[in-house]
Amino acid sequence: MIFGGGNRDALPVESPGQPLTLTVEEVQALQKRLADVRHNINNHLALIVAASELLARKPDAAIRVTAALKDPPDRIADELRQFQSDFEKALRLVAE
């Protein structure tokens, strides 16, 4: 299971201990990164939905469709892990 079972992939979070100020550019970079992550995850989910719809209509395509469904969950998890890392670094929650 990719998203369940606790937070085993989480990076250690340390409080910066001081107030944190981000520049406008840093906030914009985080917003852009978040938009990219949302876009990429939506694309992966669209593939999963399309594959399930194809399976419902053409069960004989199961072998081909099943092969296409193997990668999107891992790619979604990778996108989220990388954004988590970028986010925590930007907020100085972890050492770079």
PDB file of N, CA and C in Angstrom:
ATOM      1  N   MET A   1       0.851  -1.170   0.000  1.00  0.00           N
ATOM      2  CA  MET A   1       0.000   0.000   0.000  1.00  0.00           C
ATOM      3  C   MET A   1       0.895   1.231   0.000  1.00  0.00           C
ATOM      4  N   ILE A   2       0.613   2.167  -0.861  1.00  0.00           N
ATOM      5  CA  ILE A   2       1.479   3.318  -1.036  1.00  0.00           C
ATOM      6  C   ILE A   2       1.209   4.402  -0.011  1.00  0.00           C
ATOM      7  N   PHE A   3      -0.059   4.736   0.231  1.00  0.00           N
ATOM      8  CA  PHE A   3      -0.382   5.884   1.053  1.00  0.00           C
ATOM      9  C   PHE A   3      -0.782   5.532   2.472  1.00  0.00           C
ATOM     10  N   GLY A   4      -0.871   4.277   2.801  1.00  0.00           N
ATOM     11  CA  GLY A   4      -1.324   3.892   4.132  1.00  0.00           C
ATOM     12  C   GLY A   4      -0.173   3.442   5.002  1.00  0.00           C
ATOM     13  N   GLY A   5      -0.534   3.012   6.185  1.00  0.00           N
ATOM     14  CA  GLY A   5       0.450   2.378   7.043  1.00  0.00           C
ATOM     15  C   GLY A   5       1.428   3.306   7.716  1.00  0.00           C
ATOM     16  N   GLY A   6       1.013   4.480   8.047  1.00  0.00           N
ATOM     17  CA  GLY A   6       1.905   5.376   8.765  1.00  0.00           C
ATOM     18  C   GLY A   6       2.687   6.276   7.841  1.00  0.00           C
ATOM     19  N   ASN A   7       3.709   6.876   8.400  1.00  0.00           N
ATOM     20  CA  ASN A   7       4.471   7.881   7.681  1.00  0.00           C
ATOM     21  C   ASN A   7       5.915   7.425   7.540  1.00  0.00           C
ATOM     22  N   ARG A   8       6.148   6.224   7.071  1.00  0.00           N
ATOM     23  CA  ARG A   8       7.478   5.646   7.038  1.00  0.00           C
ATOM     24  C   ARG A   8       8.421   6.354   6.084  1.00  0.00           C
ATOM     25  N   ASP A   9       7.882   7.077   5.081  1.00  0.00           N
ATOM     26  CA  ASP A   9       8.729   7.777   4.128  1.00  0.00           C
ATOM     27  C   ASP A   9       8.959   9.234   4.491  1.00  0.00           C
ATOM     28  N   ALA A  10       8.397   9.667   5.605  1.00  0.00           N
ATOM     29  CA  ALA A  10       8.517  11.072   5.987  1.00  0.00           C
ATOM     30  C   ALA A  10       9.946  11.391   6.390  1.00  0.00           C
ATOM     31  N   LEU A  11      10.343  12.591   6.037  1.00  0.00           N
ATOM     32  CA  LEU A  11      11.648  13.073   6.456  1.00  0.00           C
ATOM     33  C   LEU A  11      11.557  13.575   7.885  1.00  0.00           C
ATOM     34  N   PRO A  12      12.646  13.548   8.623  1.00  0.00           N
ATOM     35  CA  PRO A  12      12.586  14.080   9.979  1.00  0.00           C
ATOM     36  C   PRO A  12      12.301  15.579   9.918  1.00  0.00           C
ATOM     37  N   VAL A  13      11.380  16.028  10.735  1.00  0.00           N
ATOM     38  CA  VAL A  13      10.989  17.430  10.726  1.00  0.00           C
ATOM     39  C   VAL A  13      11.547  18.098  11.964  1.00  0.00           C
ATOM     40  N   GLU A  14      12.280  19.152  11.731  1.00  0.00           N
ATOM     41  CA  GLU A  14      12.836  19.927  12.827  1.00  0.00           C
ATOM     42  C   GLU A  14      12.272  21.334  12.736  1.00  0.00           C
ATOM     43  N   SER A  15      11.952  21.905  13.850  1.00  0.00           N
ATOM     44  CA  SER A  15      11.465  23.268  13.887  1.00  0.00           C
ATOM     45  C   SER A  15      12.630  24.218  13.667  1.00  0.00           C
ATOM     46  N   PRO A  16      12.451  25.245  12.816  1.00  0.00           N
ATOM     47  CA  PRO A  16      13.544  26.181  12.627  1.00  0.00           C
ATOM     48  C   PRO A  16      13.870  26.971  13.884  1.00  0.00           C
ATOM     49  N   GLY A  17      12.953  27.032  14.858  1.00  0.00           N
ATOM     50  CA  GLY A  17      13.222  27.705  16.113  1.00  0.00           C
ATOM     51  C   GLY A  17      13.117  29.219  16.049  1.00  0.00           C
ATOM     52  N   GLN A  18      13.104  29.758  14.885  1.00  0.00           N
ATOM     53  CA  GLN A  18      13.010  31.194  14.683  1.00  0.00           C
ATOM     54  C   GLN A  18      11.912  31.477  13.663  1.00  0.00           C
ATOM     55  N   PRO A  19      11.363  32.695  13.688  1.00  0.00           N
ATOM     56  CA  PRO A  19      10.402  33.032  12.637  1.00  0.00           C
ATOM     57  C   PRO A  19      11.054  32.870  11.264  1.00  0.00           C
ATOM     58  N   LEU A  20      10.268  32.474  10.307  1.00  0.00           N
ATOM     59  CA  LEU A  20      10.778  32.196   8.973  1.00  0.00           C
ATOM     60  C   LEU A  20      10.165  33.166   7.988  1.00  0.00           C
ATOM     61  N   THR A  21      10.987  33.733   7.155  1.00  0.00           N
ATOM     62  CA  THR A  21      10.504  34.627   6.114  1.00  0.00           C
ATOM     63  C   THR A  21      10.931  34.062   4.773  1.00  0.00           C
ATOM     64  N   LEU A  22       9.965  33.928   3.876  1.00  0.00           N
ATOM     65  CA  LEU A  22      10.262  33.506   2.513  1.00  0.00           C
ATOM     66  C   LEU A  22      10.158  34.712   1.604  1.00  0.00           C
ATOM     67  N   THR A  23      11.003  34.737   0.608  1.00  0.00           N
ATOM     68  CA  THR A  23      10.918  35.808  -0.374  1.00  0.00           C
ATOM     69  C   THR A  23       9.729  35.543  -1.296  1.00  0.00           C
ATOM     70  N   VAL A  24       9.334  36.563  -2.010  1.00  0.00           N
ATOM     71  CA  VAL A  24       8.254  36.421  -2.990  1.00  0.00           C
ATOM     72  C   VAL A  24       8.635  35.355  -4.006  1.00  0.00           C
ATOM     73  N   GLU A  25       9.879  35.344  -4.412  1.00  0.00           N
ATOM     74  CA  GLU A  25      10.344  34.361  -5.395  1.00  0.00           C
ATOM     75  C   GLU A  25      10.260  32.943  -4.852  1.00  0.00           C
ATOM     76  N   GLU A  26      10.599  32.768  -3.567  1.00  0.00           N
ATOM     77  CA  GLU A  26      10.517  31.436  -2.965  1.00  0.00           C
ATOM     78  C   GLU A  26       9.069  30.954  -2.888  1.00  0.00           C
ATOM     79  N   VAL A  27       8.158  31.852  -2.518  1.00  0.00           N
ATOM     80  CA  VAL A  27       6.733  31.491  -2.467  1.00  0.00           C
ATOM     81  C   VAL A  27       6.235  31.167  -3.867  1.00  0.00           C
ATOM     82  N   GLN A  28       6.627  31.964  -4.844  1.00  0.00           N
ATOM     83  CA  GLN A  28       6.209  31.698  -6.227  1.00  0.00           C
ATOM     84  C   GLN A  28       6.769  30.369  -6.722  1.00  0.00           C
ATOM     85  N   ALA A  29       7.996  30.060  -6.356  1.00  0.00           N
ATOM     86  CA  ALA A  29       8.589  28.777  -6.757  1.00  0.00           C
ATOM     87  C   ALA A  29       7.821  27.610  -6.133  1.00  0.00           C
ATOM     88  N   LEU A  30       7.425  27.738  -4.856  1.00  0.00           N
ATOM     89  CA  LEU A  30       6.625  26.689  -4.218  1.00  0.00           C
ATOM     90  C   LEU A  30       5.258  26.563  -4.880  1.00  0.00           C
ATOM     91  N   GLN A  31       4.639  27.687  -5.211  1.00  0.00           N
ATOM     92  CA  GLN A  31       3.343  27.647  -5.892  1.00  0.00           C
ATOM     93  C   GLN A  31       3.469  26.959  -7.246  1.00  0.00           C
ATOM     94  N   LYS A  32       4.529  27.277  -7.980  1.00  0.00           N
ATOM     95  CA  LYS A  32       4.744  26.661  -9.298  1.00  0.00           C
ATOM     96  C   LYS A  32       4.967  25.161  -9.138  1.00  0.00           C
ATOM     97  N   ARG A  33       5.771  24.797  -8.163  1.00  0.00           N
ATOM     98  CA  ARG A  33       6.046  23.373  -7.923  1.00  0.00           C
ATOM     99  C   ARG A  33       4.771  22.632  -7.561  1.00  0.00           C
ATOM    100  N   LEU A  34       3.945  23.246  -6.702  1.00  0.00           N
ATOM    101  CA  LEU A  34       2.672  22.626  -6.326  1.00  0.00           C
ATOM    102  C   LEU A  34       1.764  22.470  -7.542  1.00  0.00           C
ATOM    103  N   ALA A  35       1.698  23.487  -8.387  1.00  0.00           N
ATOM    104  CA  ALA A  35       0.882  23.396  -9.602  1.00  0.00           C
ATOM    105  C   ALA A  35       1.375  22.267 -10.508  1.00  0.00           C
ATOM    106  N   ASP A  36       2.688  22.132 -10.634  1.00  0.00           N
ATOM    107  CA  ASP A  36       3.253  21.046 -11.448  1.00  0.00           C
ATOM    108  C   ASP A  36       2.906  19.683 -10.868  1.00  0.00           C
ATOM    109  N   VAL A  37       3.007  19.557  -9.551  1.00  0.00           N
ATOM    110  CA  VAL A  37       2.690  18.285  -8.889  1.00  0.00           C
ATOM    111  C   VAL A  37       1.217  17.939  -9.103  1.00  0.00           C
ATOM    112  N   ARG A  38       0.338  18.922  -8.892  1.00  0.00           N
ATOM    113  CA  ARG A  38      -1.103  18.676  -9.113  1.00  0.00           C
ATOM    114  C   ARG A  38      -1.360  18.233 -10.540  1.00  0.00           C
ATOM    115  N   HIS A  39      -0.739  18.903 -11.500  1.00  0.00           N
ATOM    116  CA  HIS A  39      -0.915  18.561 -12.911  1.00  0.00           C
ATOM    117  C   HIS A  39      -0.445  17.132 -13.186  1.00  0.00           C
ATOM    118  N   ASN A  40       0.742  16.802 -12.700  1.00  0.00           N
ATOM    119  CA  ASN A  40       1.287  15.467 -12.938  1.00  0.00           C
ATOM    120  C   ASN A  40       0.439  14.382 -12.285  1.00  0.00           C
ATOM    121  N   ILE A  41      -0.010  14.619 -11.057  1.00  0.00           N
ATOM    122  CA  ILE A  41      -0.845  13.626 -10.373  1.00  0.00           C
ATOM    123  C   ILE A  41      -2.178  13.477 -11.089  1.00  0.00           C
ATOM    124  N   ASN A  42      -2.763  14.578 -11.523  1.00  0.00           N
ATOM    125  CA  ASN A  42      -4.012  14.488 -12.291  1.00  0.00           C
ATOM    126  C   ASN A  42      -3.826  13.670 -13.560  1.00  0.00           C
ATOM    127  N   ASN A  43      -2.694  13.831 -14.234  1.00  0.00           N
ATOM    128  CA  ASN A  43      -2.423  13.028 -15.436  1.00  0.00           C
ATOM    129  C   ASN A  43      -2.340  11.546 -15.101  1.00  0.00           C
ATOM    130  N   HIS A  44      -1.656  11.217 -14.010  1.00  0.00           N
ATOM    131  CA  HIS A  44      -1.540   9.809 -13.617  1.00  0.00           C
ATOM    132  C   HIS A  44      -2.913   9.236 -13.245  1.00  0.00           C
ATOM    133  N   LEU A  45      -3.711  10.023 -12.539  1.00  0.00           N
ATOM    134  CA  LEU A  45      -5.054   9.561 -12.161  1.00  0.00           C
ATOM    135  C   LEU A  45      -5.949   9.410 -13.385  1.00  0.00           C
ATOM    136  N   ALA A  46      -5.807  10.306 -14.352  1.00  0.00           N
ATOM    137  CA  ALA A  46      -6.597  10.199 -15.586  1.00  0.00           C
ATOM    138  C   ALA A  46      -6.286   8.895 -16.314  1.00  0.00           C
ATOM    139  N   LEU A  47      -5.024   8.506 -16.310  1.00  0.00           N
ATOM    140  CA  LEU A  47      -4.641   7.236 -16.933  1.00  0.00           C
ATOM    141  C   LEU A  47      -5.297   6.065 -16.211  1.00  0.00           C
ATOM    142  N   ILE A  48      -5.322   6.105 -14.895  1.00  0.00           N
ATOM    143  CA  ILE A  48      -5.947   5.039 -14.119  1.00  0.00           C
ATOM    144  C   ILE A  48      -7.441   4.966 -14.417  1.00  0.00           C
ATOM    145  N   VAL A  49      -8.107   6.116 -14.457  1.00  0.00           N
ATOM    146  CA  VAL A  49      -9.548   6.157 -14.742  1.00  0.00           C
ATOM    147  C   VAL A  49      -9.819   5.640 -16.152  1.00  0.00           C
ATOM    148  N   ALA A  50      -9.032   6.092 -17.115  1.00  0.00           N
ATOM    149  CA  ALA A  50      -9.225   5.637 -18.500  1.00  0.00           C
ATOM    150  C   ALA A  50      -9.031   4.125 -18.614  1.00  0.00           C
ATOM    151  N   ALA A  51      -8.024   3.620 -17.936  1.00  0.00           N
ATOM    152  CA  ALA A  51      -7.776   2.178 -17.984  1.00  0.00           C
ATOM    153  C   ALA A  51      -8.928   1.401 -17.360  1.00  0.00           C
ATOM    154  N   SER A  52      -9.469   1.896 -16.251  1.00  0.00           N
ATOM    155  CA  SER A  52     -10.583   1.179 -15.621  1.00  0.00           C
ATOM    156  C   SER A  52     -11.833   1.237 -16.499  1.00  0.00           C
ATOM    157  N   GLU A  53     -12.047   2.360 -17.170  1.00  0.00           N
ATOM    158  CA  GLU A  53     -13.185   2.452 -18.093  1.00  0.00           C
ATOM    159  C   GLU A  53     -13.004   1.510 -19.277  1.00  0.00           C
ATOM    160  N   LEU A  54     -11.783   1.425 -19.784  1.00  0.00           N
ATOM    161  CA  LEU A  54     -11.514   0.497 -20.887  1.00  0.00           C
ATOM    162  C   LEU A  54     -11.735  -0.942 -20.446  1.00  0.00           C
ATOM    163  N   LEU A  55     -11.312  -1.279 -19.233  1.00  0.00           N
ATOM    164  CA  LEU A  55     -11.542  -2.637 -18.730  1.00  0.00           C
ATOM    165  C   LEU A  55     -13.024  -2.960 -18.619  1.00  0.00           C
ATOM    166  N   ALA A  56     -13.812  -1.967 -18.215  1.00  0.00           N
ATOM    167  CA  ALA A  56     -15.253  -2.186 -18.092  1.00  0.00           C
ATOM    168  C   ALA A  56     -15.880  -2.459 -19.453  1.00  0.00           C
ATOM    169  N   ARG A  57     -15.354  -1.833 -20.487  1.00  0.00           N
ATOM    170  CA  ARG A  57     -15.928  -1.985 -21.832  1.00  0.00           C
ATOM    171  C   ARG A  57     -15.324  -3.138 -22.613  1.00  0.00           C
ATOM    172  N   LYS A  58     -14.038  -3.400 -22.375  1.00  0.00           N
ATOM    173  CA  LYS A  58     -13.338  -4.451 -23.128  1.00  0.00           C
ATOM    174  C   LYS A  58     -12.523  -5.312 -22.166  1.00  0.00           C
ATOM    175  N   PRO A  59     -13.185  -6.215 -21.471  1.00  0.00           N
ATOM    176  CA  PRO A  59     -12.462  -7.067 -20.514  1.00  0.00           C
ATOM    177  C   PRO A  59     -11.337  -7.880 -21.151  1.00  0.00           C
ATOM    178  N   ASP A  60     -11.430  -8.137 -22.446  1.00  0.00           N
ATOM    179  CA  ASP A  60     -10.393  -8.915 -23.120  1.00  0.00           C
ATOM    180  C   ASP A  60      -9.066  -8.152 -23.226  1.00  0.00           C
ATOM    181  N   ALA A  61      -9.068  -6.870 -22.920  1.00  0.00           N
ATOM    182  CA  ALA A  61      -7.851  -6.055 -22.966  1.00  0.00           C
ATOM    183  C   ALA A  61      -7.146  -6.026 -21.607  1.00  0.00           C
ATOM    184  N   ALA A  62      -7.539  -6.905 -20.709  1.00  0.00           N
ATOM    185  CA  ALA A  62      -7.054  -6.863 -19.329  1.00  0.00           C
ATOM    186  C   ALA A  62      -5.537  -6.935 -19.211  1.00  0.00           C
ATOM    187  N   ILE A  63      -4.895  -7.787 -19.964  1.00  0.00           N
ATOM    188  CA  ILE A  63      -3.441  -7.940 -19.850  1.00  0.00           C
ATOM    189  C   ILE A  63      -2.735  -6.647 -20.239  1.00  0.00           C
ATOM    190  N   ARG A  64      -3.153  -6.054 -21.346  1.00  0.00           N
ATOM    191  CA  ARG A  64      -2.528  -4.812 -21.819  1.00  0.00           C
ATOM    192  C   ARG A  64      -2.812  -3.658 -20.860  1.00  0.00           C
ATOM    193  N   VAL A  65      -4.058  -3.576 -20.398  1.00  0.00           N
ATOM    194  CA  VAL A  65      -4.446  -2.478 -19.515  1.00  0.00           C
ATOM    195  C   VAL A  65      -3.790  -2.621 -18.147  1.00  0.00           C
ATOM    196  N   THR A  66      -3.712  -3.831 -17.649  1.00  0.00           N
ATOM    197  CA  THR A  66      -3.090  -4.058 -16.352  1.00  0.00           C
ATOM    198  C   THR A  66      -1.631  -3.620 -16.366  1.00  0.00           C
ATOM    199  N   ALA A  67      -0.947  -3.854 -17.448  1.00  0.00           N
ATOM    200  CA  ALA A  67       0.450  -3.419 -17.561  1.00  0.00           C
ATOM    201  C   ALA A  67       0.561  -1.903 -17.470  1.00  0.00           C
ATOM    202  N   ALA A  68      -0.403  -1.204 -18.046  1.00  0.00           N
ATOM    203  CA  ALA A  68      -0.384   0.263 -18.014  1.00  0.00           C
ATOM    204  C   ALA A  68      -0.707   0.813 -16.633  1.00  0.00           C
ATOM    205  N   LEU A  69      -1.321   0.008 -15.781  1.00  0.00           N
ATOM    206  CA  LEU A  69      -1.708   0.465 -14.447  1.00  0.00           C
ATOM    207  C   LEU A  69      -0.616   0.266 -13.387  1.00  0.00           C
ATOM    208  N   LYS A  70       0.483  -0.357 -13.755  1.00  0.00           N
ATOM    209  CA  LYS A  70       1.522  -0.647 -12.773  1.00  0.00           C
ATOM    210  C   LYS A  70       2.315   0.587 -12.360  1.00  0.00           C
ATOM    211  N   ASP A  71       2.590   1.497 -13.272  1.00  0.00           N
ATOM    212  CA  ASP A  71       3.466   2.630 -12.983  1.00  0.00           C
ATOM    213  C   ASP A  71       2.817   3.836 -12.308  1.00  0.00           C
ATOM    214  N   PRO A  72       1.586   4.218 -12.652  1.00  0.00           N
ATOM    215  CA  PRO A  72       1.041   5.463 -12.078  1.00  0.00           C
ATOM    216  C   PRO A  72       1.052   5.558 -10.552  1.00  0.00           C
ATOM    217  N   PRO A  73       0.718   4.527  -9.787  1.00  0.00           N
ATOM    218  CA  PRO A  73       0.768   4.693  -8.327  1.00  0.00           C
ATOM    219  C   PRO A  73       2.166   5.030  -7.809  1.00  0.00           C
ATOM    220  N   ASP A  74       3.182   4.390  -8.360  1.00  0.00           N
ATOM    221  CA  ASP A  74       4.552   4.694  -7.939  1.00  0.00           C
ATOM    222  C   ASP A  74       4.948   6.107  -8.347  1.00  0.00           C
ATOM    223  N   ARG A  75       4.526   6.529  -9.520  1.00  0.00           N
ATOM    224  CA  ARG A  75       4.841   7.889  -9.969  1.00  0.00           C
ATOM    225  C   ARG A  75       4.153   8.931  -9.094  1.00  0.00           C
ATOM    226  N   ILE A  76       2.920   8.652  -8.691  1.00  0.00           N
ATOM    227  CA  ILE A  76       2.204   9.573  -7.803  1.00  0.00           C
ATOM    228  C   ILE A  76       2.940   9.671  -6.467  1.00  0.00           C
ATOM    229  N   ALA A  77       3.323   8.531  -5.919  1.00  0.00           N
ATOM    230  CA  ALA A  77       4.047   8.529  -4.646  1.00  0.00           C
ATOM    231  C   ALA A  77       5.372   9.274  -4.777  1.00  0.00           C
ATOM    232  N   ASP A  78       6.078   9.084  -5.888  1.00  0.00           N
ATOM    233  CA  ASP A  78       7.347   9.783  -6.108  1.00  0.00           C
ATOM    234  C   ASP A  78       7.137  11.290  -6.187  1.00  0.00           C
ATOM    235  N   GLU A  79       6.088  11.713  -6.896  1.00  0.00           N
ATOM    236  CA  GLU A  79       5.766  13.149  -7.000  1.00  0.00           C
ATOM    237  C   GLU A  79       5.531  13.740  -5.609  1.00  0.00           C
ATOM    238  N   LEU A  80       4.746  13.043  -4.802  1.00  0.00           N
ATOM    239  CA  LEU A  80       4.434  13.543  -3.464  1.00  0.00           C
ATOM    240  C   LEU A  80       5.671  13.581  -2.569  1.00  0.00           C
ATOM    241  N   ARG A  81       6.496  12.544  -2.634  1.00  0.00           N
ATOM    242  CA  ARG A  81       7.723  12.515  -1.829  1.00  0.00           C
ATOM    243  C   ARG A  81       8.667  13.661  -2.218  1.00  0.00           C
ATOM    244  N   GLN A  82       8.811  13.889  -3.518  1.00  0.00           N
ATOM    245  CA  GLN A  82       9.709  14.945  -3.969  1.00  0.00           C
ATOM    246  C   GLN A  82       9.176  16.319  -3.566  1.00  0.00           C
ATOM    247  N   PHE A  83       7.855  16.510  -3.683  1.00  0.00           N
ATOM    248  CA  PHE A  83       7.293  17.797  -3.259  1.00  0.00           C
ATOM    249  C   PHE A  83       7.456  17.973  -1.759  1.00  0.00           C
ATOM    250  N   GLN A  84       7.243  16.915  -1.002  1.00  0.00           N
ATOM    251  CA  GLN A  84       7.435  16.999   0.449  1.00  0.00           C
ATOM    252  C   GLN A  84       8.854  17.439   0.761  1.00  0.00           C
ATOM    253  N   SER A  85       9.813  16.859   0.089  1.00  0.00           N
ATOM    254  CA  SER A  85      11.214  17.210   0.305  1.00  0.00           C
ATOM    255  C   SER A  85      11.472  18.668  -0.056  1.00  0.00           C
ATOM    256  N   ASP A  86      10.984  19.095  -1.220  1.00  0.00           N
ATOM    257  CA  ASP A  86      11.161  20.480  -1.656  1.00  0.00           C
ATOM    258  C   ASP A  86      10.506  21.450  -0.674  1.00  0.00           C
ATOM    259  N   PHE A  87       9.309  21.113  -0.234  1.00  0.00           N
ATOM    260  CA  PHE A  87       8.550  21.956   0.682  1.00  0.00           C
ATOM    261  C   PHE A  87       9.280  22.089   2.025  1.00  0.00           C
ATOM    262  N   GLU A  88       9.721  20.966   2.564  1.00  0.00           N
ATOM    263  CA  GLU A  88      10.412  20.988   3.850  1.00  0.00           C
ATOM    264  C   GLU A  88      11.732  21.740   3.768  1.00  0.00           C
ATOM    265  N   LYS A  89      12.430  21.620   2.652  1.00  0.00           N
ATOM    266  CA  LYS A  89      13.668  22.375   2.476  1.00  0.00           C
ATOM    267  C   LYS A  89      13.379  23.867   2.380  1.00  0.00           C
ATOM    268  N   ALA A  90      12.337  24.230   1.630  1.00  0.00           N
ATOM    269  CA  ALA A  90      11.985  25.643   1.482  1.00  0.00           C
ATOM    270  C   ALA A  90      11.606  26.265   2.809  1.00  0.00           C
ATOM    271  N   LEU A  91      10.948  25.494   3.667  1.00  0.00           N
ATOM    272  CA  LEU A  91      10.539  26.015   4.985  1.00  0.00           C
ATOM    273  C   LEU A  91      11.604  25.751   6.041  1.00  0.00           C
ATOM    274  N   ARG A  92      12.746  25.232   5.578  1.00  0.00           N
ATOM    275  CA  ARG A  92      13.881  24.969   6.457  1.00  0.00           C
ATOM    276  C   ARG A  92      13.509  24.044   7.624  1.00  0.00           C
ATOM    277  N   LEU A  93      12.685  23.047   7.299  1.00  0.00           N
ATOM    278  CA  LEU A  93      12.278  22.061   8.302  1.00  0.00           C
ATOM    279  C   LEU A  93      13.280  20.920   8.405  1.00  0.00           C
ATOM    280  N   VAL A  94      14.130  20.789   7.386  1.00  0.00           N
ATOM    281  CA  VAL A  94      15.166  19.768   7.374  1.00  0.00           C
ATOM    282  C   VAL A  94      16.456  20.406   6.859  1.00  0.00           C
ATOM    283  N   ALA A  95      17.548  19.814   7.202  1.00  0.00           N
ATOM    284  CA  ALA A  95      18.837  20.296   6.695  1.00  0.00           C
ATOM    285  C   ALA A  95      18.965  19.930   5.229  1.00  0.00           C
ATOM    286  N   GLU A  96      19.560  20.807   4.464  1.00  0.00           N
ATOM    287  CA  GLU A  96      19.751  20.524   3.035  1.00  0.00           C
ATOM    288  C   GLU A  96      20.989  19.701   2.810  1.00  0.00           C
TER     289      GLU A  96
END
